[in-house]
């Protein structure tokens, strides 16, 4: 019964990473374990639909023309 850990002595710095500044590499970078369950506990909801889209940041020339078009459409209906 041969064990590699018994035959090879480990350096003293192996057990105390703070003394040398050496840290072991991470073995796991990402997992999605339990995330699906957490998301469904409160239900996955669709984004709320708003009646009007935000016009902030839109092209001013387009918005000006749209305003005139709405104004004249309202006059034609009367």
Protein backbone atom coordinates (compact mmCIF):
# COMPACT_ATOMS: atom_id res chain seq x y z
CA UNK A 1 0.00 0.00 0.00
CA UNK A 2 1.93 2.98 -1.35
CA UNK A 3 0.70 6.49 -0.58
CA UNK A 4 2.28 9.41 -2.31
CA UNK A 5 1.42 11.81 0.51
CA UNK A 6 3.36 9.72 3.05
CA UNK A 7 6.51 9.39 0.96
CA UNK A 8 6.85 13.02 -0.18
CA UNK A 9 7.34 15.72 2.44
CA UNK A 10 5.44 18.95 1.78
CA UNK A 11 7.07 22.36 2.21
CA UNK A 12 6.07 24.26 5.35
CA UNK A 13 4.68 27.17 3.27
CA UNK A 14 2.05 24.86 1.73
CA UNK A 15 -0.20 25.07 4.78
CA UNK A 16 0.16 28.80 5.43
CA UNK A 17 -0.52 30.78 2.26
CA UNK A 18 -0.56 34.10 4.12
CA UNK A 19 3.10 33.83 5.09
CA UNK A 20 4.34 33.68 1.48
CA UNK A 21 1.50 35.50 -0.29
CA UNK A 22 0.83 32.37 -2.37
CA UNK A 23 -2.78 31.34 -2.84
CA UNK A 24 -4.16 28.19 -4.41
CA UNK A 25 -5.87 28.58 -7.76
CA UNK A 26 -9.65 28.56 -7.74
CA UNK A 27 -11.08 25.33 -9.04
CA UNK A 28 -14.65 26.54 -9.65
CA UNK A 29 -15.32 29.78 -11.50
CA UNK A 30 -19.09 29.67 -11.96
CA UNK A 31 -22.14 27.65 -11.05
CA UNK A 32 -25.84 28.24 -11.63
CA UNK A 33 -26.87 25.90 -8.82
CA UNK A 34 -30.14 27.01 -7.14
CA UNK A 35 -30.45 30.16 -9.27
CA UNK A 36 -33.41 28.80 -11.24
CA UNK A 37 -35.29 27.92 -8.07
CA UNK A 38 -34.61 31.32 -6.56
CA UNK A 39 -35.87 33.05 -9.71
CA UNK A 40 -39.10 31.07 -9.78
CA UNK A 41 -39.95 31.58 -6.10
CA UNK A 42 -41.27 35.07 -6.87
CA UNK A 43 -42.24 34.10 -10.41
CA UNK A 44 -40.56 35.11 -13.63
CA UNK A 45 -42.53 38.12 -14.79
CA UNK A 46 -42.75 39.75 -18.20
CA UNK A 47 -41.54 43.34 -18.37
CA UNK A 48 -44.33 45.84 -17.81
CA UNK A 49 -45.85 47.35 -20.93
CA UNK A 50 -46.07 51.13 -20.87
CA UNK A 51 -48.64 53.13 -22.80
CA UNK A 52 -46.11 55.60 -24.22
CA UNK A 53 -42.47 55.12 -25.11
CA UNK A 54 -39.97 57.53 -23.63
CA UNK A 55 -39.02 60.26 -26.09
CA UNK A 56 -36.01 61.48 -24.15
CA UNK A 57 -32.89 61.09 -26.25
CA UNK A 58 -34.80 60.71 -29.54
CA UNK A 59 -33.97 62.77 -32.60
CA UNK A 60 -35.36 66.31 -32.01
CA UNK A 61 -36.18 66.82 -35.71
CA UNK A 62 -38.26 63.62 -35.70
CA UNK A 63 -40.05 64.61 -32.49
CA UNK A 64 -40.91 68.05 -33.84
CA UNK A 65 -42.38 66.53 -37.00
CA UNK A 66 -44.28 63.95 -34.95
CA UNK A 67 -45.79 66.69 -32.82
CA UNK A 68 -47.04 68.55 -35.91
CA UNK A 69 -48.40 65.33 -37.43
CA UNK A 70 -50.37 64.52 -34.27
CA UNK A 71 -51.72 68.05 -34.15
CA UNK A 72 -52.96 67.96 -37.77
CA UNK A 73 -54.38 64.44 -37.40
CA UNK A 74 -56.50 65.67 -34.49
CA UNK A 75 -57.82 68.58 -36.61
CA UNK A 76 -58.87 66.27 -39.48
CA UNK A 77 -60.97 64.04 -37.18
CA UNK A 78 -63.10 66.97 -35.96
